[in-house]
Amino acid sequence: MVQRCTNPAATYYERYGGRGVRVCEAWRASFATFLREVGPRPSAEHSLDRIDPNGHYEPSNVRWTTLEMQRRNRRDPGQYIVVGVAGERRDLAAWADISGFSVAALRWRYHQGWSPQEIVFGKKGRSA
């Protein structure tokens, strides 16, 4: 986290420090402070994720998540489309898990202007 935000020679620096992402000073000064505020990594499948992918590494903007969750939390708005159905707001990947349709099908429906209900569950009599 610190290296990719502060070291221009670090892998992926251009995606982090190179575009202005910073690590809060308290964490840069003390790993113990970071550990106390964020907690230990829950498992080998978890890594640190920024809730707002355009925000900084700071207490209100980080969490431990799995790779799958990180894939859903991308800064490319075309990759992260949220749809509300019956009071539930979820991204297309989550709706695909629920509906059984592919993310590609849901994304196509979204861009065709289908209603949120139709995006997730399809139109009656149609399977596209």
Protein backbone atom coordinates (compact mmCIF):
# COMPACT_ATOMS: atom_id res chain seq x y z
CA MET A 1 0.00 0.00 0.00
CA VAL A 2 2.67 2.50 1.03
CA GLN A 3 5.06 1.54 -1.76
CA ARG A 4 2.52 1.76 -4.58
CA CYS A 5 1.41 5.18 -3.32
CA THR A 6 4.84 6.70 -2.66
CA ASN A 7 7.49 4.93 -4.75
CA PRO A 8 7.50 5.76 -8.49
CA ALA A 9 9.53 2.57 -9.12
CA ALA A 10 6.87 0.35 -7.48
CA THR A 11 4.63 -1.90 -9.55
CA TYR A 12 1.34 -0.14 -10.34
CA TYR A 13 2.53 3.20 -8.91
CA GLU A 14 0.84 4.93 -11.86
CA ARG A 15 -2.54 3.51 -10.72
CA TYR A 16 -2.10 4.74 -7.16
CA GLY A 17 0.45 7.41 -6.19
CA GLY A 18 0.77 8.46 -9.80
CA ARG A 19 -2.87 9.56 -9.84
CA GLY A 20 -2.82 11.10 -6.38
CA VAL A 21 -3.90 8.26 -4.07
CA ARG A 22 -2.32 8.75 -0.63
CA VAL A 23 -1.91 6.75 2.58
CA CYS A 24 -2.98 8.59 5.75
CA GLU A 25 -0.02 9.94 7.71
CA ALA A 26 -0.82 7.97 10.87
CA TRP A 27 -0.52 4.69 8.94
CA ARG A 28 2.64 5.75 7.16
CA ALA A 29 4.19 6.60 10.51
CA SER A 30 3.10 3.45 12.35
CA PHE A 31 2.13 -0.03 11.20
CA ALA A 32 0.80 -0.63 14.73
CA THR A 33 -1.69 2.22 14.22
CA PHE A 34 -2.78 0.73 10.89
CA LEU A 35 -3.22 -2.70 12.46
CA ARG A 36 -5.17 -1.30 15.40
CA GLU A 37 -7.53 0.67 13.13
CA VAL A 38 -8.02 -1.87 10.32
CA GLY A 39 -7.36 -5.14 12.13
CA PRO A 40 -5.44 -8.18 10.93
CA ARG A 41 -6.15 -9.72 7.54
CA PRO A 42 -9.02 -12.20 8.07
CA SER A 43 -7.60 -14.86 5.72
CA ALA A 44 -5.14 -15.42 2.90
CA GLU A 45 -8.05 -14.80 0.47
CA HIS A 46 -8.50 -11.23 1.74
CA SER A 47 -6.65 -8.08 0.74
CA LEU A 48 -7.01 -4.41 1.52
CA ASP A 49 -9.59 -2.59 -0.60
CA ARG A 50 -10.59 1.06 -0.84
CA ILE A 51 -14.37 1.44 -0.55
CA ASP A 52 -14.25 4.46 -2.85
CA PRO A 53 -11.74 3.40 -5.50
CA ASN A 54 -10.95 7.06 -6.17
CA GLY A 55 -10.35 7.82 -2.49
CA HIS A 56 -7.30 7.51 -0.27
CA TYR A 57 -6.08 4.80 2.09
CA GLU A 58 -7.60 6.10 5.32
CA PRO A 59 -9.72 4.65 8.14
CA SER A 60 -13.10 5.57 6.62
CA ASN A 61 -12.21 4.20 3.18
CA VAL A 62 -10.64 0.76 3.62
CA ARG A 63 -11.82 -2.76 4.36
CA TRP A 64 -10.61 -6.33 3.97
CA THR A 65 -12.29 -8.00 0.99
CA THR A 66 -11.94 -10.97 -1.30
CA LEU A 67 -10.72 -10.67 -4.88
CA GLU A 68 -14.28 -11.16 -6.12
CA MET A 69 -15.51 -8.17 -4.11
CA GLN A 70 -12.58 -6.07 -5.35
CA ARG A 71 -13.45 -6.93 -8.94
CA ARG A 72 -16.90 -5.48 -8.31
CA ASN A 73 -15.45 -2.29 -6.81
CA ARG A 74 -13.63 -0.89 -9.83
CA ARG A 75 -13.16 2.76 -10.62
CA ASP A 76 -14.24 2.24 -14.24
CA PRO A 77 -17.92 3.22 -14.04
CA GLY A 78 -18.75 1.03 -17.05
CA GLN A 79 -17.68 -2.01 -15.04
CA TYR A 80 -19.76 -1.18 -11.98
CA ILE A 81 -23.45 -0.67 -12.69
CA VAL A 82 -25.87 -0.61 -9.76
CA VAL A 83 -29.56 -1.42 -10.26
CA GLY A 84 -32.36 -1.17 -7.72
CA VAL A 85 -35.14 -3.77 -7.66
CA ALA A 86 -37.77 -4.16 -4.92
CA GLY A 87 -35.85 -1.86 -2.58
CA GLU A 88 -32.53 -3.71 -3.03
CA ARG A 89 -29.59 -1.98 -4.72
CA ARG A 90 -26.92 -4.32 -6.08
CA ASP A 91 -24.31 -4.33 -8.80
CA LEU A 92 -24.89 -6.40 -11.92
CA ALA A 93 -22.54 -9.16 -10.76
CA ALA A 94 -24.59 -9.62 -7.58
CA TRP A 95 -27.85 -9.61 -9.55
CA ALA A 96 -26.37 -12.17 -11.97
CA ASP A 97 -25.65 -14.46 -9.01
CA ILE A 98 -29.27 -14.15 -7.89
CA SER A 99 -31.02 -14.31 -11.27
CA GLY A 100 -28.90 -16.93 -13.00
CA PHE A 101 -28.37 -14.69 -16.04
CA SER A 102 -24.85 -13.69 -17.06
CA VAL A 103 -23.42 -10.28 -16.22
CA ALA A 104 -23.02 -9.69 -19.97
CA ALA A 105 -26.77 -10.28 -20.48
CA LEU A 106 -27.67 -7.90 -17.66
CA ARG A 107 -25.25 -5.25 -18.97
CA TRP A 108 -26.78 -5.58 -22.48
CA ARG A 109 -30.28 -5.14 -21.04
CA TYR A 110 -29.13 -2.10 -19.05
CA HIS A 111 -27.70 -0.43 -22.15
CA GLN A 112 -30.86 -1.27 -24.12
CA GLY A 113 -32.86 0.79 -21.61
CA TRP A 114 -34.77 -2.06 -19.98
CA SER A 115 -36.39 -1.32 -16.61
CA PRO A 116 -34.49 -2.48 -13.50
CA GLN A 117 -36.95 -5.35 -12.98
CA GLU A 118 -36.52 -6.46 -16.61
CA ILE A 119 -32.72 -6.13 -16.44
CA VAL A 120 -32.53 -8.56 -13.53
CA PHE A 121 -35.35 -10.99 -14.30
CA GLY A 122 -35.95 -10.56 -18.04
CA LYS A 123 -39.06 -9.61 -19.94
CA LYS A 124 -42.00 -11.99 -19.81
CA GLY A 125 -41.82 -14.30 -22.79
CA ARG A 126 -38.19 -13.36 -23.58
CA SER A 127 -34.92 -14.90 -22.50
CA ALA A 128 -32.49 -12.33 -23.93
